[in-house]
Amino acid sequence: MLSTFCEQDLSFVQILVGELVSSSDGEVRISTAINLGLSMKQKMKASVCEKLIERLVEEKWLLQVLAE
């Protein structure tokens, strides 16, 4: 099965999952997630990170919890 994600997207997801796993509560703030893309070797624009995160939520790869 072919992935619909490009290599850079997959690298971002790998880093994001690492952050989720290492966090004490299994959560990562959206701003932190976007900054992960900005700190990659091949940087991702904030808008690209945000769209990718939205896509991951839409496709149910991630769960978005709204702040209370």
PDB file of N, CA and C in Angstrom:
ATOM      1  N   MET A   1       0.839  -1.171   0.000  1.00  0.00           N
ATOM      2  CA  MET A   1       0.000   0.000   0.000  1.00  0.00           C
ATOM      3  C   MET A   1       0.890   1.243   0.000  1.00  0.00           C
ATOM      4  N   LEU A   2       0.622   2.159  -0.883  1.00  0.00           N
ATOM      5  CA  LEU A   2       1.392   3.384  -0.976  1.00  0.00           C
ATOM      6  C   LEU A   2       0.879   4.414   0.017  1.00  0.00           C
ATOM      7  N   SER A   3       1.809   5.183   0.556  1.00  0.00           N
ATOM      8  CA  SER A   3       1.445   6.249   1.479  1.00  0.00           C
ATOM      9  C   SER A   3       1.096   7.511   0.702  1.00  0.00           C
ATOM     10  N   THR A   4       0.153   8.254   1.210  1.00  0.00           N
ATOM     11  CA  THR A   4      -0.190   9.536   0.594  1.00  0.00           C
ATOM     12  C   THR A   4       0.580  10.674   1.259  1.00  0.00           C
ATOM     13  N   PHE A   5       1.488  10.332   2.143  1.00  0.00           N
ATOM     14  CA  PHE A   5       2.327  11.316   2.814  1.00  0.00           C
ATOM     15  C   PHE A   5       3.701  11.341   2.161  1.00  0.00           C
ATOM     16  N   CYS A   6       4.257  12.538   1.991  1.00  0.00           N
ATOM     17  CA  CYS A   6       5.603  12.649   1.425  1.00  0.00           C
ATOM     18  C   CYS A   6       6.627  12.325   2.519  1.00  0.00           C
ATOM     19  N   GLU A   7       7.873  12.192   2.113  1.00  0.00           N
ATOM     20  CA  GLU A   7       8.936  11.816   3.045  1.00  0.00           C
ATOM     21  C   GLU A   7       9.070  12.832   4.185  1.00  0.00           C
ATOM     22  N   GLN A   8       8.970  14.111   3.863  1.00  0.00           N
ATOM     23  CA  GLN A   8       9.078  15.153   4.888  1.00  0.00           C
ATOM     24  C   GLN A   8       7.915  15.064   5.880  1.00  0.00           C
ATOM     25  N   ASP A   9       6.720  14.773   5.387  1.00  0.00           N
ATOM     26  CA  ASP A   9       5.559  14.592   6.268  1.00  0.00           C
ATOM     27  C   ASP A   9       5.811  13.446   7.241  1.00  0.00           C
ATOM     28  N   LEU A  10       6.320  12.349   6.722  1.00  0.00           N
ATOM     29  CA  LEU A  10       6.571  11.176   7.561  1.00  0.00           C
ATOM     30  C   LEU A  10       7.645  11.459   8.606  1.00  0.00           C
ATOM     31  N   SER A  11       8.659  12.231   8.235  1.00  0.00           N
ATOM     32  CA  SER A  11       9.692  12.622   9.199  1.00  0.00           C
ATOM     33  C   SER A  11       9.086  13.458  10.319  1.00  0.00           C
ATOM     34  N   PHE A  12       8.207  14.384   9.941  1.00  0.00           N
ATOM     35  CA  PHE A  12       7.532  15.216  10.939  1.00  0.00           C
ATOM     36  C   PHE A  12       6.687  14.350  11.871  1.00  0.00           C
ATOM     37  N   VAL A  13       5.939  13.417  11.314  1.00  0.00           N
ATOM     38  CA  VAL A  13       5.088  12.537  12.126  1.00  0.00           C
ATOM     39  C   VAL A  13       5.947  11.721  13.087  1.00  0.00           C
ATOM     40  N   GLN A  14       7.082  11.240  12.623  1.00  0.00           N
ATOM     41  CA  GLN A  14       7.977  10.461  13.474  1.00  0.00           C
ATOM     42  C   GLN A  14       8.454  11.304  14.667  1.00  0.00           C
ATOM     43  N   ILE A  15       8.836  12.540  14.411  1.00  0.00           N
ATOM     44  CA  ILE A  15       9.281  13.431  15.485  1.00  0.00           C
ATOM     45  C   ILE A  15       8.122  13.743  16.429  1.00  0.00           C
ATOM     46  N   LEU A  16       6.951  13.990  15.867  1.00  0.00           N
ATOM     47  CA  LEU A  16       5.768  14.302  16.675  1.00  0.00           C
ATOM     48  C   LEU A  16       5.389  13.126  17.575  1.00  0.00           C
ATOM     49  N   VAL A  17       5.415  11.927  17.044  1.00  0.00           N
ATOM     50  CA  VAL A  17       5.100  10.738  17.851  1.00  0.00           C
ATOM     51  C   VAL A  17       6.120  10.591  18.979  1.00  0.00           C
ATOM     52  N   GLY A  18       7.386  10.863  18.689  1.00  0.00           N
ATOM     53  CA  GLY A  18       8.412  10.834  19.734  1.00  0.00           C
ATOM     54  C   GLY A  18       8.095  11.804  20.861  1.00  0.00           C
ATOM     55  N   GLU A  19       7.641  13.001  20.505  1.00  0.00           N
ATOM     56  CA  GLU A  19       7.243  13.994  21.509  1.00  0.00           C
ATOM     57  C   GLU A  19       6.049  13.508  22.320  1.00  0.00           C
ATOM     58  N   LEU A  20       5.073  12.927  21.642  1.00  0.00           N
ATOM     59  CA  LEU A  20       3.881  12.425  22.330  1.00  0.00           C
ATOM     60  C   LEU A  20       4.244  11.325  23.321  1.00  0.00           C
ATOM     61  N   VAL A  21       5.105  10.420  22.897  1.00  0.00           N
ATOM     62  CA  VAL A  21       5.494   9.286  23.743  1.00  0.00           C
ATOM     63  C   VAL A  21       6.313   9.752  24.948  1.00  0.00           C
ATOM     64  N   SER A  22       7.166  10.751  24.744  1.00  0.00           N
ATOM     65  CA  SER A  22       8.028  11.200  25.835  1.00  0.00           C
ATOM     66  C   SER A  22       7.351  12.196  26.779  1.00  0.00           C
ATOM     67  N   SER A  23       6.190  12.710  26.392  1.00  0.00           N
ATOM     68  CA  SER A  23       5.493  13.652  27.279  1.00  0.00           C
ATOM     69  C   SER A  23       4.845  12.889  28.432  1.00  0.00           C
ATOM     70  N   SER A  24       4.723  13.549  29.556  1.00  0.00           N
ATOM     71  CA  SER A  24       4.192  12.879  30.748  1.00  0.00           C
ATOM     72  C   SER A  24       2.712  12.534  30.634  1.00  0.00           C
ATOM     73  N   ASP A  25       1.976  13.318  29.829  1.00  0.00           N
ATOM     74  CA  ASP A  25       0.535  13.084  29.710  1.00  0.00           C
ATOM     75  C   ASP A  25       0.100  12.610  28.327  1.00  0.00           C
ATOM     76  N   GLY A  26       1.062  12.354  27.443  1.00  0.00           N
ATOM     77  CA  GLY A  26       0.722  11.874  26.106  1.00  0.00           C
ATOM     78  C   GLY A  26       0.127  12.940  25.211  1.00  0.00           C
ATOM     79  N   GLU A  27       0.350  14.205  25.574  1.00  0.00           N
ATOM     80  CA  GLU A  27      -0.197  15.316  24.800  1.00  0.00           C
ATOM     81  C   GLU A  27       0.914  16.273  24.392  1.00  0.00           C
ATOM     82  N   VAL A  28       0.694  16.966  23.283  1.00  0.00           N
ATOM     83  CA  VAL A  28       1.616  17.998  22.804  1.00  0.00           C
ATOM     84  C   VAL A  28       0.769  19.178  22.354  1.00  0.00           C
ATOM     85  N   ARG A  29       1.115  20.357  22.808  1.00  0.00           N
ATOM     86  CA  ARG A  29       0.393  21.571  22.386  1.00  0.00           C
ATOM     87  C   ARG A  29       0.615  21.807  20.899  1.00  0.00           C
ATOM     88  N   ILE A  30      -0.366  22.411  20.242  1.00  0.00           N
ATOM     89  CA  ILE A  30      -0.278  22.677  18.808  1.00  0.00           C
ATOM     90  C   ILE A  30       0.931  23.551  18.497  1.00  0.00           C
ATOM     91  N   SER A  31       1.214  24.535  19.333  1.00  0.00           N
ATOM     92  CA  SER A  31       2.365  25.413  19.094  1.00  0.00           C
ATOM     93  C   SER A  31       3.674  24.637  19.179  1.00  0.00           C
ATOM     94  N   THR A  32       3.756  23.698  20.104  1.00  0.00           N
ATOM     95  CA  THR A  32       4.944  22.852  20.225  1.00  0.00           C
ATOM     96  C   THR A  32       5.089  21.971  18.996  1.00  0.00           C
ATOM     97  N   ALA A  33       3.982  21.407  18.541  1.00  0.00           N
ATOM     98  CA  ALA A  33       4.007  20.545  17.356  1.00  0.00           C
ATOM     99  C   ALA A  33       4.463  21.327  16.127  1.00  0.00           C
ATOM    100  N   ILE A  34       3.963  22.532  15.962  1.00  0.00           N
ATOM    101  CA  ILE A  34       4.359  23.355  14.819  1.00  0.00           C
ATOM    102  C   ILE A  34       5.843  23.691  14.902  1.00  0.00           C
ATOM    103  N   ASN A  35       6.333  24.000  16.096  1.00  0.00           N
ATOM    104  CA  ASN A  35       7.752  24.313  16.269  1.00  0.00           C
ATOM    105  C   ASN A  35       8.650  23.125  15.952  1.00  0.00           C
ATOM    106  N   LEU A  36       8.138  21.910  16.098  1.00  0.00           N
ATOM    107  CA  LEU A  36       8.922  20.730  15.732  1.00  0.00           C
ATOM    108  C   LEU A  36       9.276  20.773  14.252  1.00  0.00           C
ATOM    109  N   GLY A  37       8.332  21.187  13.434  1.00  0.00           N
ATOM    110  CA  GLY A  37       8.577  21.291  11.998  1.00  0.00           C
ATOM    111  C   GLY A  37       9.596  22.357  11.666  1.00  0.00           C
ATOM    112  N   LEU A  38       9.602  23.426  12.443  1.00  0.00           N
ATOM    113  CA  LEU A  38      10.549  24.513  12.214  1.00  0.00           C
ATOM    114  C   LEU A  38      11.963  24.126  12.621  1.00  0.00           C
ATOM    115  N   SER A  39      12.097  23.111  13.478  1.00  0.00           N
ATOM    116  CA  SER A  39      13.413  22.701  13.955  1.00  0.00           C
ATOM    117  C   SER A  39      13.973  21.483  13.214  1.00  0.00           C
ATOM    118  N   MET A  40      13.251  20.991  12.214  1.00  0.00           N
ATOM    119  CA  MET A  40      13.727  19.842  11.439  1.00  0.00           C
ATOM    120  C   MET A  40      14.904  20.252  10.559  1.00  0.00           C
ATOM    121  N   LYS A  41      15.726  19.264  10.145  1.00  0.00           N
ATOM    122  CA  LYS A  41      16.839  19.555   9.229  1.00  0.00           C
ATOM    123  C   LYS A  41      16.322  20.261   7.985  1.00  0.00           C
ATOM    124  N   GLN A  42      15.321  19.671   7.365  1.00  0.00           N
ATOM    125  CA  GLN A  42      14.659  20.299   6.224  1.00  0.00           C
ATOM    126  C   GLN A  42      13.407  20.968   6.788  1.00  0.00           C
ATOM    127  N   LYS A  43      13.545  22.228   7.158  1.00  0.00           N
ATOM    128  CA  LYS A  43      12.486  22.944   7.866  1.00  0.00           C
ATOM    129  C   LYS A  43      11.167  22.943   7.100  1.00  0.00           C
ATOM    130  N   MET A  44      10.085  22.895   7.862  1.00  0.00           N
ATOM    131  CA  MET A  44       8.742  23.006   7.301  1.00  0.00           C
ATOM    132  C   MET A  44       8.166  24.344   7.749  1.00  0.00           C
ATOM    133  N   LYS A  45       7.491  25.033   6.864  1.00  0.00           N
ATOM    134  CA  LYS A  45       6.834  26.285   7.239  1.00  0.00           C
ATOM    135  C   LYS A  45       5.743  25.981   8.258  1.00  0.00           C
ATOM    136  N   ALA A  46       5.483  26.952   9.118  1.00  0.00           N
ATOM    137  CA  ALA A  46       4.451  26.781  10.144  1.00  0.00           C
ATOM    138  C   ALA A  46       3.100  26.456   9.521  1.00  0.00           C
ATOM    139  N   SER A  47       2.780  27.107   8.409  1.00  0.00           N
ATOM    140  CA  SER A  47       1.485  26.860   7.755  1.00  0.00           C
ATOM    141  C   SER A  47       1.395  25.435   7.223  1.00  0.00           C
ATOM    142  N   VAL A  48       2.509  24.903   6.742  1.00  0.00           N
ATOM    143  CA  VAL A  48       2.542  23.524   6.234  1.00  0.00           C
ATOM    144  C   VAL A  48       2.364  22.544   7.393  1.00  0.00           C
ATOM    145  N   CYS A  49       3.030  22.820   8.504  1.00  0.00           N
ATOM    146  CA  CYS A  49       2.881  21.970   9.696  1.00  0.00           C
ATOM    147  C   CYS A  49       1.438  21.968  10.181  1.00  0.00           C
ATOM    148  N   GLU A  50       0.851  23.154  10.213  1.00  0.00           N
ATOM    149  CA  GLU A  50      -0.526  23.264  10.690  1.00  0.00           C
ATOM    150  C   GLU A  50      -1.486  22.483   9.793  1.00  0.00           C
ATOM    151  N   LYS A  51      -1.305  22.581   8.482  1.00  0.00           N
ATOM    152  CA  LYS A  51      -2.161  21.840   7.546  1.00  0.00           C
ATOM    153  C   LYS A  51      -1.964  20.337   7.697  1.00  0.00           C
ATOM    154  N   LEU A  52      -0.718  19.913   7.899  1.00  0.00           N
ATOM    155  CA  LEU A  52      -0.443  18.491   8.083  1.00  0.00           C
ATOM    156  C   LEU A  52      -1.092  17.991   9.372  1.00  0.00           C
ATOM    157  N   ILE A  53      -0.993  18.754  10.433  1.00  0.00           N
ATOM    158  CA  ILE A  53      -1.621  18.367  11.701  1.00  0.00           C
ATOM    159  C   ILE A  53      -3.132  18.276  11.535  1.00  0.00           C
ATOM    160  N   GLU A  54      -3.725  19.245  10.842  1.00  0.00           N
ATOM    161  CA  GLU A  54      -5.170  19.203  10.580  1.00  0.00           C
ATOM    162  C   GLU A  54      -5.539  17.947   9.799  1.00  0.00           C
ATOM    163  N   ARG A  55      -4.722  17.602   8.821  1.00  0.00           N
ATOM    164  CA  ARG A  55      -4.973  16.392   8.029  1.00  0.00           C
ATOM    165  C   ARG A  55      -4.878  15.145   8.903  1.00  0.00           C
ATOM    166  N   LEU A  56      -3.870  15.095   9.771  1.00  0.00           N
ATOM    167  CA  LEU A  56      -3.709  13.944  10.663  1.00  0.00           C
ATOM    168  C   LEU A  56      -4.903  13.805  11.603  1.00  0.00           C
ATOM    169  N   VAL A  57      -5.455  14.924  12.039  1.00  0.00           N
ATOM    170  CA  VAL A  57      -6.650  14.895  12.892  1.00  0.00           C
ATOM    171  C   VAL A  57      -7.853  14.423  12.076  1.00  0.00           C
ATOM    172  N   GLU A  58      -8.019  14.974  10.871  1.00  0.00           N
ATOM    173  CA  GLU A  58      -9.145  14.585  10.009  1.00  0.00           C
ATOM    174  C   GLU A  58      -9.126  13.091   9.699  1.00  0.00           C
ATOM    175  N   GLU A  59      -7.919  12.554   9.448  1.00  0.00           N
ATOM    176  CA  GLU A  59      -7.789  11.141   9.100  1.00  0.00           C
ATOM    177  C   GLU A  59      -7.679  10.250  10.333  1.00  0.00           C
ATOM    178  N   LYS A  60      -7.853  10.857  11.498  1.00  0.00           N
ATOM    179  CA  LYS A  60      -7.889  10.156  12.783  1.00  0.00           C
ATOM    180  C   LYS A  60      -6.563   9.500  13.172  1.00  0.00           C
ATOM    181  N   TRP A  61      -5.459  10.068  12.695  1.00  0.00           N
ATOM    182  CA  TRP A  61      -4.138   9.644  13.152  1.00  0.00           C
ATOM    183  C   TRP A  61      -3.821  10.311  14.487  1.00  0.00           C
ATOM    184  N   LEU A  62      -4.403  11.500  14.692  1.00  0.00           N
ATOM    185  CA  LEU A  62      -4.228  12.248  15.933  1.00  0.00           C
ATOM    186  C   LEU A  62      -5.597  12.640  16.473  1.00  0.00           C
ATOM    187  N   LEU A  63      -5.637  12.866  17.763  1.00  0.00           N
ATOM    188  CA  LEU A  63      -6.847  13.352  18.415  1.00  0.00           C
ATOM    189  C   LEU A  63      -6.560  14.755  18.919  1.00  0.00           C
ATOM    190  N   GLN A  64      -7.395  15.696  18.551  1.00  0.00           N
ATOM    191  CA  GLN A  64      -7.232  17.075  19.009  1.00  0.00           C
ATOM    192  C   GLN A  64      -8.135  17.306  20.204  1.00  0.00           C
ATOM    193  N   VAL A  65      -7.523  17.722  21.305  1.00  0.00           N
ATOM    194  CA  VAL A  65      -8.257  18.022  22.527  1.00  0.00           C
ATOM    195  C   VAL A  65      -8.231  19.533  22.698  1.00  0.00           C
ATOM    196  N   LEU A  66      -9.398  20.141  22.772  1.00  0.00           N
ATOM    197  CA  LEU A  66      -9.482  21.589  22.923  1.00  0.00           C
ATOM    198  C   LEU A  66      -9.201  21.982  24.361  1.00  0.00           C
ATOM    199  N   ALA A  67      -8.473  23.081  24.536  1.00  0.00           N
ATOM    200  CA  ALA A  67      -8.133  23.568  25.876  1.00  0.00           C
ATOM    201  C   ALA A  67      -9.395  23.980  26.613  1.00  0.00           C
ATOM    202  N   GLU A  68      -9.389  23.744  27.897  1.00  0.00           N
ATOM    203  CA  GLU A  68     -10.556  24.088  28.729  1.00  0.00           C
ATOM    204  C   GLU A  68     -10.437  25.478  29.279  1.00  0.00           C
TER     205      GLU A  68
END
